[in-house]
């Protein structure tokens, strides 16, 4: 279970692996601490047994910002391709319109040929 707790401690935690709610804890001046006012993401049912979340606020926020920065970089790469994709879409739409006109023309020719075949059948078999 310790491994899953360690794996789950990235970014801003939303729930403890044991299902406990995460609270935002601020160390008071009454607590013995070299850094009073230090913030933590802490499991509501926190016990110092290594199985519940207690993560410094700064670390969680830093990891969350790093993850968001990576996502922004990925989206930026995709956004750079949008004009190229739009150009390809417009070119393909033009090709589809040309092919649609050609299909319509061929349908008309097939109809004309079927009429001619019908006329020839009347001449030959009558």
N, C-alpha and C. Protein backbone atom coordinates (compact mmCIF):
# COMPACT_ATOMS: atom_id res chain seq x y z
N UNK A 1 0.82 -1.18 0.00
CA UNK A 1 0.00 0.00 0.00
C UNK A 1 0.87 1.25 0.00
N UNK A 2 2.06 1.18 0.57
CA UNK A 2 2.95 2.34 0.61
C UNK A 2 3.31 2.82 -0.79
N UNK A 3 3.47 1.89 -1.73
CA UNK A 3 3.82 2.27 -3.09
C UNK A 3 2.70 3.08 -3.73
N UNK A 4 1.45 2.66 -3.54
CA UNK A 4 0.34 3.40 -4.14
C UNK A 4 0.19 4.77 -3.49
N UNK A 5 0.51 4.89 -2.21
CA UNK A 5 0.48 6.20 -1.55
C UNK A 5 1.57 7.09 -2.15
N UNK A 6 2.76 6.55 -2.33
CA UNK A 6 3.86 7.33 -2.90
C UNK A 6 3.54 7.75 -4.33
N UNK A 7 2.95 6.86 -5.12
CA UNK A 7 2.60 7.18 -6.50
C UNK A 7 1.50 8.23 -6.58
N UNK A 8 0.64 8.29 -5.60
CA UNK A 8 -0.48 9.22 -5.65
C UNK A 8 -0.12 10.61 -5.17
N UNK A 9 1.07 10.78 -4.64
CA UNK A 9 1.47 12.08 -4.11
C UNK A 9 2.14 12.94 -5.16
N UNK A 10 1.46 13.23 -6.25
CA UNK A 10 1.97 14.14 -7.25
C UNK A 10 0.92 15.20 -7.50
N UNK A 11 1.36 16.42 -7.67
CA UNK A 11 0.43 17.50 -7.91
C UNK A 11 -0.39 17.83 -6.67
N UNK A 12 -1.54 18.43 -6.90
CA UNK A 12 -2.43 18.79 -5.81
C UNK A 12 -3.35 17.60 -5.55
N UNK A 13 -3.23 16.96 -4.39
CA UNK A 13 -4.07 15.78 -4.13
C UNK A 13 -5.53 16.18 -3.93
N UNK A 14 -6.42 15.32 -4.39
CA UNK A 14 -7.85 15.56 -4.19
C UNK A 14 -8.44 14.62 -3.16
N UNK A 15 -7.86 13.43 -3.03
CA UNK A 15 -8.31 12.46 -2.05
C UNK A 15 -7.11 11.64 -1.59
N UNK A 16 -7.17 11.21 -0.37
CA UNK A 16 -6.17 10.30 0.17
C UNK A 16 -6.41 8.92 -0.45
N UNK A 17 -5.37 8.10 -0.65
CA UNK A 17 -5.59 6.75 -1.19
C UNK A 17 -6.58 5.93 -0.37
N UNK A 18 -6.75 6.27 0.90
CA UNK A 18 -7.71 5.56 1.72
C UNK A 18 -9.09 6.18 1.66
N UNK A 19 -9.26 7.16 0.79
CA UNK A 19 -10.58 7.77 0.60
C UNK A 19 -10.86 8.97 1.46
N UNK A 20 -9.93 9.34 2.29
CA UNK A 20 -10.14 10.50 3.16
C UNK A 20 -10.10 11.81 2.38
N UNK A 21 -10.83 12.78 2.87
CA UNK A 21 -10.87 14.10 2.26
C UNK A 21 -9.58 14.83 2.55
N UNK A 22 -9.11 15.63 1.58
CA UNK A 22 -7.89 16.41 1.76
C UNK A 22 -8.28 17.80 2.27
N UNK A 23 -7.60 18.23 3.33
CA UNK A 23 -7.85 19.57 3.86
C UNK A 23 -6.59 20.40 3.67
N UNK A 24 -6.76 21.72 3.65
CA UNK A 24 -5.62 22.62 3.57
C UNK A 24 -5.25 23.03 4.98
N UNK A 25 -4.10 22.56 5.42
CA UNK A 25 -3.66 22.81 6.78
C UNK A 25 -2.61 23.91 6.78
N UNK A 26 -2.71 24.82 7.71
CA UNK A 26 -1.71 25.88 7.89
C UNK A 26 -1.17 25.75 9.30
N UNK A 27 0.15 25.60 9.40
CA UNK A 27 0.76 25.46 10.71
C UNK A 27 0.62 26.78 11.48
N UNK A 28 0.15 26.70 12.68
CA UNK A 28 0.01 27.88 13.51
C UNK A 28 1.29 28.21 14.25
N UNK A 29 1.32 29.35 14.86
CA UNK A 29 2.51 29.76 15.62
C UNK A 29 2.65 28.97 16.90
N UNK A 30 1.54 28.36 17.35
CA UNK A 30 1.59 27.57 18.58
C UNK A 30 2.28 26.23 18.37
N UNK A 31 2.22 25.71 17.12
CA UNK A 31 2.86 24.44 16.82
C UNK A 31 4.38 24.62 16.84
N UNK A 32 5.07 23.59 17.35
CA UNK A 32 6.53 23.66 17.33
C UNK A 32 6.98 23.40 15.90
N UNK A 33 7.46 24.44 15.26
CA UNK A 33 7.88 24.32 13.87
C UNK A 33 8.83 25.47 13.57
N UNK A 34 9.82 25.19 12.76
CA UNK A 34 10.74 26.26 12.38
C UNK A 34 10.11 27.20 11.36
N UNK A 35 9.03 26.76 10.69
CA UNK A 35 8.36 27.59 9.70
C UNK A 35 6.88 27.73 10.04
N UNK A 36 6.53 28.57 11.01
CA UNK A 36 5.10 28.73 11.29
C UNK A 36 4.41 29.36 10.09
N UNK A 37 3.19 28.93 9.85
CA UNK A 37 2.44 29.41 8.69
C UNK A 37 2.65 28.56 7.45
N UNK A 38 3.45 27.52 7.56
CA UNK A 38 3.70 26.64 6.43
C UNK A 38 2.40 25.91 6.09
N UNK A 39 2.13 25.73 4.80
CA UNK A 39 0.88 25.12 4.35
C UNK A 39 1.11 23.68 3.90
N UNK A 40 0.06 22.86 4.10
CA UNK A 40 0.12 21.45 3.71
C UNK A 40 -1.21 21.04 3.10
N UNK A 41 -1.15 20.04 2.22
CA UNK A 41 -2.33 19.30 1.82
C UNK A 41 -2.32 18.06 2.70
N UNK A 42 -3.31 17.91 3.56
CA UNK A 42 -3.30 16.85 4.57
C UNK A 42 -4.61 16.07 4.52
N UNK A 43 -4.49 14.76 4.68
CA UNK A 43 -5.68 13.91 4.80
C UNK A 43 -6.41 14.26 6.09
N UNK A 44 -7.72 14.30 6.03
CA UNK A 44 -8.52 14.62 7.21
C UNK A 44 -8.23 13.63 8.35
N UNK A 45 -7.97 12.38 7.99
CA UNK A 45 -7.70 11.33 8.98
C UNK A 45 -6.20 11.06 9.10
N UNK A 46 -5.39 12.09 8.98
CA UNK A 46 -3.93 11.93 8.94
C UNK A 46 -3.39 11.30 10.21
N UNK A 47 -2.54 10.31 9.99
CA UNK A 47 -1.76 9.69 11.04
C UNK A 47 -0.34 9.59 10.50
N UNK A 48 0.64 9.74 11.32
CA UNK A 48 2.04 9.71 10.87
C UNK A 48 2.51 8.28 10.64
N UNK A 49 1.74 7.50 9.87
CA UNK A 49 2.12 6.11 9.60
C UNK A 49 2.59 5.91 8.17
N UNK A 50 2.65 6.98 7.38
CA UNK A 50 3.12 6.88 6.00
C UNK A 50 2.05 6.44 5.03
N UNK A 51 0.84 6.20 5.49
CA UNK A 51 -0.22 5.71 4.62
C UNK A 51 -1.25 6.79 4.26
N UNK A 52 -1.07 7.97 4.77
CA UNK A 52 -2.01 9.07 4.49
C UNK A 52 -1.23 10.25 3.92
N UNK A 53 -1.94 11.07 3.16
CA UNK A 53 -1.30 12.23 2.54
C UNK A 53 -0.97 13.32 3.55
N UNK A 54 0.20 13.84 3.42
CA UNK A 54 0.57 15.10 4.05
C UNK A 54 1.70 15.64 3.20
N UNK A 55 1.32 16.53 2.34
CA UNK A 55 2.25 17.03 1.34
C UNK A 55 2.37 18.54 1.48
N UNK A 56 3.60 19.06 1.46
CA UNK A 56 3.76 20.51 1.51
C UNK A 56 3.04 21.17 0.33
N UNK A 57 2.38 22.27 0.62
CA UNK A 57 1.58 22.99 -0.36
C UNK A 57 2.42 23.42 -1.56
N UNK A 58 3.63 23.89 -1.30
CA UNK A 58 4.50 24.40 -2.37
C UNK A 58 4.83 23.28 -3.36
N UNK A 59 5.13 22.11 -2.85
CA UNK A 59 5.49 20.99 -3.74
C UNK A 59 4.31 20.61 -4.61
N UNK A 60 3.13 20.50 -4.01
CA UNK A 60 1.94 20.15 -4.78
C UNK A 60 1.63 21.17 -5.86
N UNK A 61 1.73 22.44 -5.52
CA UNK A 61 1.44 23.49 -6.50
C UNK A 61 2.50 23.51 -7.59
N UNK A 62 3.78 23.34 -7.23
CA UNK A 62 4.84 23.29 -8.24
C UNK A 62 4.61 22.16 -9.24
N UNK A 63 4.31 20.97 -8.75
CA UNK A 63 4.08 19.83 -9.63
C UNK A 63 2.87 20.08 -10.52
N UNK A 64 1.83 20.69 -9.96
CA UNK A 64 0.63 20.98 -10.74
C UNK A 64 0.96 22.00 -11.83
N UNK A 65 1.74 23.01 -11.51
CA UNK A 65 2.14 24.02 -12.51
C UNK A 65 3.00 23.38 -13.60
N UNK A 66 3.91 22.50 -13.22
CA UNK A 66 4.74 21.81 -14.22
C UNK A 66 3.88 20.98 -15.16
N UNK A 67 2.90 20.28 -14.62
CA UNK A 67 2.01 19.46 -15.45
C UNK A 67 1.20 20.35 -16.39
N UNK A 68 0.70 21.48 -15.88
CA UNK A 68 -0.05 22.40 -16.73
C UNK A 68 0.84 23.03 -17.80
N UNK A 69 2.08 23.32 -17.45
CA UNK A 69 3.02 23.88 -18.43
C UNK A 69 3.27 22.89 -19.56
N UNK A 70 3.44 21.62 -19.24
CA UNK A 70 3.63 20.60 -20.28
C UNK A 70 2.41 20.53 -21.19
N UNK A 71 1.21 20.60 -20.59
CA UNK A 71 -0.02 20.55 -21.40
C UNK A 71 -0.11 21.77 -22.31
N UNK A 72 0.27 22.95 -21.80
CA UNK A 72 0.24 24.16 -22.62
C UNK A 72 1.22 24.02 -23.78
N UNK A 73 2.41 23.47 -23.53
CA UNK A 73 3.38 23.26 -24.60
C UNK A 73 2.84 22.32 -25.67
N UNK A 74 2.17 21.25 -25.25
CA UNK A 74 1.58 20.30 -26.21
C UNK A 74 0.50 20.98 -27.04
N UNK A 75 -0.33 21.78 -26.39
CA UNK A 75 -1.41 22.48 -27.10
C UNK A 75 -0.82 23.52 -28.06
N UNK A 76 0.27 24.16 -27.66
CA UNK A 76 0.91 25.15 -28.53
C UNK A 76 1.39 24.50 -29.82
N UNK A 77 1.96 23.31 -29.71
CA UNK A 77 2.40 22.59 -30.91
C UNK A 77 1.20 22.30 -31.82
N UNK A 78 0.08 21.89 -31.22
CA UNK A 78 -1.11 21.61 -32.03
C UNK A 78 -1.65 22.87 -32.68
N UNK A 79 -1.63 23.97 -31.95
CA UNK A 79 -2.17 25.23 -32.49
C UNK A 79 -1.35 25.69 -33.69
N UNK A 80 -0.06 25.43 -33.70
CA UNK A 80 0.77 25.82 -34.84
C UNK A 80 0.37 25.10 -36.12
N UNK A 81 -0.25 23.92 -36.01
CA UNK A 81 -0.64 23.16 -37.18
C UNK A 81 -2.02 23.54 -37.71
N UNK A 82 -2.77 24.36 -36.97
CA UNK A 82 -4.14 24.70 -37.37
C UNK A 82 -4.20 25.36 -38.75
N UNK A 83 -3.37 26.38 -39.07
CA UNK A 83 -3.45 26.97 -40.41
C UNK A 83 -3.18 25.96 -41.53
N UNK A 84 -2.21 25.09 -41.30
CA UNK A 84 -1.90 24.07 -42.32
C UNK A 84 -3.08 23.12 -42.52
N UNK A 85 -3.69 22.71 -41.42
CA UNK A 85 -4.85 21.81 -41.51
C UNK A 85 -6.02 22.51 -42.20
N UNK A 86 -6.24 23.80 -41.87
CA UNK A 86 -7.32 24.55 -42.54
C UNK A 86 -7.07 24.64 -44.03
N UNK A 87 -5.82 24.87 -44.45
CA UNK A 87 -5.50 24.93 -45.88
C UNK A 87 -5.79 23.58 -46.53
N UNK A 88 -5.39 22.49 -45.88
CA UNK A 88 -5.65 21.16 -46.46
C UNK A 88 -7.14 20.88 -46.55
N UNK A 89 -7.91 21.31 -45.55
CA UNK A 89 -9.36 21.11 -45.58
C UNK A 89 -9.97 21.87 -46.75
N UNK A 90 -9.56 23.13 -46.94
CA UNK A 90 -10.09 23.91 -48.06
C UNK A 90 -9.74 23.28 -49.39
N UNK A 91 -8.50 22.80 -49.53
CA UNK A 91 -8.09 22.14 -50.78
C UNK A 91 -8.91 20.87 -51.03
N UNK A 92 -9.13 20.09 -49.97
CA UNK A 92 -9.92 18.87 -50.11
C UNK A 92 -11.38 19.18 -50.44
N UNK A 93 -11.93 20.25 -49.84
CA UNK A 93 -13.30 20.63 -50.16
C UNK A 93 -13.42 21.01 -51.64
N UNK A 94 -12.40 21.71 -52.18
CA UNK A 94 -12.38 22.05 -53.61
C UNK A 94 -12.34 20.79 -54.47
N UNK A 95 -11.51 19.83 -54.06
CA UNK A 95 -11.43 18.58 -54.81
C UNK A 95 -12.75 17.82 -54.75
N UNK A 96 -13.40 17.83 -53.60
CA UNK A 96 -14.69 17.14 -53.46
C UNK A 96 -15.72 17.79 -54.38
N UNK A 97 -15.75 19.11 -54.44
CA UNK A 97 -16.70 19.80 -55.33
C UNK A 97 -16.43 19.44 -56.79
N UNK A 98 -15.15 19.42 -57.19
CA UNK A 98 -14.81 19.06 -58.57
C UNK A 98 -15.23 17.62 -58.87
N UNK A 99 -14.97 16.72 -57.93
CA UNK A 99 -15.36 15.32 -58.13
C UNK A 99 -16.87 15.15 -58.15
N UNK A 100 -17.58 15.94 -57.35
CA UNK A 100 -19.05 15.88 -57.36
C UNK A 100 -19.59 16.32 -58.71
N UNK A 101 -19.01 17.39 -59.28
CA UNK A 101 -19.45 17.83 -60.63
C UNK A 101 -19.16 16.75 -61.66
N UNK A 102 -17.99 16.11 -61.53
CA UNK A 102 -17.63 15.06 -62.49
C UNK A 102 -18.57 13.86 -62.36
N UNK A 103 -18.93 13.48 -61.15
CA UNK A 103 -19.87 12.38 -60.94
C UNK A 103 -21.23 12.73 -61.53
N UNK A 104 -21.69 13.98 -61.31
CA UNK A 104 -22.96 14.40 -61.89
C UNK A 104 -22.93 14.32 -63.41
N UNK A 105 -21.81 14.73 -64.00
CA UNK A 105 -21.66 14.65 -65.46
C UNK A 105 -21.71 13.20 -65.93
N UNK A 106 -21.01 12.32 -65.19
CA UNK A 106 -21.00 10.89 -65.58
C UNK A 106 -22.38 10.27 -65.43
N UNK A 107 -23.11 10.68 -64.40
CA UNK A 107 -24.48 10.16 -64.22
C UNK A 107 -25.34 10.57 -65.41
N UNK A 108 -25.17 11.82 -65.86
CA UNK A 108 -25.91 12.29 -67.04
C UNK A 108 -25.53 11.49 -68.28
N UNK A 109 -24.25 11.20 -68.45
CA UNK A 109 -23.80 10.42 -69.61
C UNK A 109 -24.35 8.99 -69.56
N UNK A 110 -24.36 8.40 -68.37
CA UNK A 110 -24.90 7.05 -68.23
C UNK A 110 -26.39 7.05 -68.59
N UNK A 111 -27.11 8.07 -68.17
CA UNK A 111 -28.53 8.16 -68.50
C UNK A 111 -28.71 8.27 -70.01
N UNK A 112 -27.90 9.13 -70.65
CA UNK A 112 -27.99 9.27 -72.10
C UNK A 112 -27.69 7.94 -72.80
N UNK A 113 -26.68 7.22 -72.31
CA UNK A 113 -26.34 5.93 -72.91
C UNK A 113 -27.46 4.91 -72.71
N UNK A 114 -28.11 4.92 -71.54
CA UNK A 114 -29.20 3.97 -71.32
C UNK A 114 -30.38 4.28 -72.24
N UNK A 115 -30.61 5.56 -72.50
CA UNK A 115 -31.67 5.94 -73.46
C UNK A 115 -31.31 5.46 -74.85
N UNK A 116 -30.05 5.61 -75.25
CA UNK A 116 -29.61 5.16 -76.57
C UNK A 116 -29.72 3.64 -76.68
N UNK A 117 -29.36 2.93 -75.61
CA UNK A 117 -29.46 1.47 -75.62
C UNK A 117 -30.93 1.05 -75.77
N UNK A 118 -31.81 1.73 -75.09
CA UNK A 118 -33.24 1.41 -75.19
C UNK A 118 -33.73 1.66 -76.61
N UNK A 119 -33.27 2.75 -77.23
CA UNK A 119 -33.67 3.03 -78.61
C UNK A 119 -33.13 1.97 -79.56
N UNK A 120 -31.89 1.55 -79.35
CA UNK A 120 -31.31 0.51 -80.20
C UNK A 120 -32.01 -0.83 -80.01
N UNK A 121 -32.42 -1.14 -78.80
CA UNK A 121 -33.13 -2.39 -78.56
C UNK A 121 -34.47 -2.37 -79.29
N UNK A 122 -35.13 -1.25 -79.33
CA UNK A 122 -36.40 -1.15 -80.05
C UNK A 122 -36.19 -1.38 -81.53
N UNK A 123 -35.10 -0.80 -82.09
CA UNK A 123 -34.83 -0.95 -83.51
C UNK A 123 -34.46 -2.39 -83.85
N UNK A 124 -33.65 -3.00 -83.00
CA UNK A 124 -33.15 -4.34 -83.31
C UNK A 124 -34.20 -5.42 -83.07
N UNK A 125 -35.03 -5.28 -82.07
CA UNK A 125 -35.93 -6.38 -81.72
C UNK A 125 -37.35 -6.15 -82.19
N UNK A 126 -37.63 -5.03 -82.79
CA UNK A 126 -38.99 -4.82 -83.31
C UNK A 126 -39.15 -5.26 -84.71
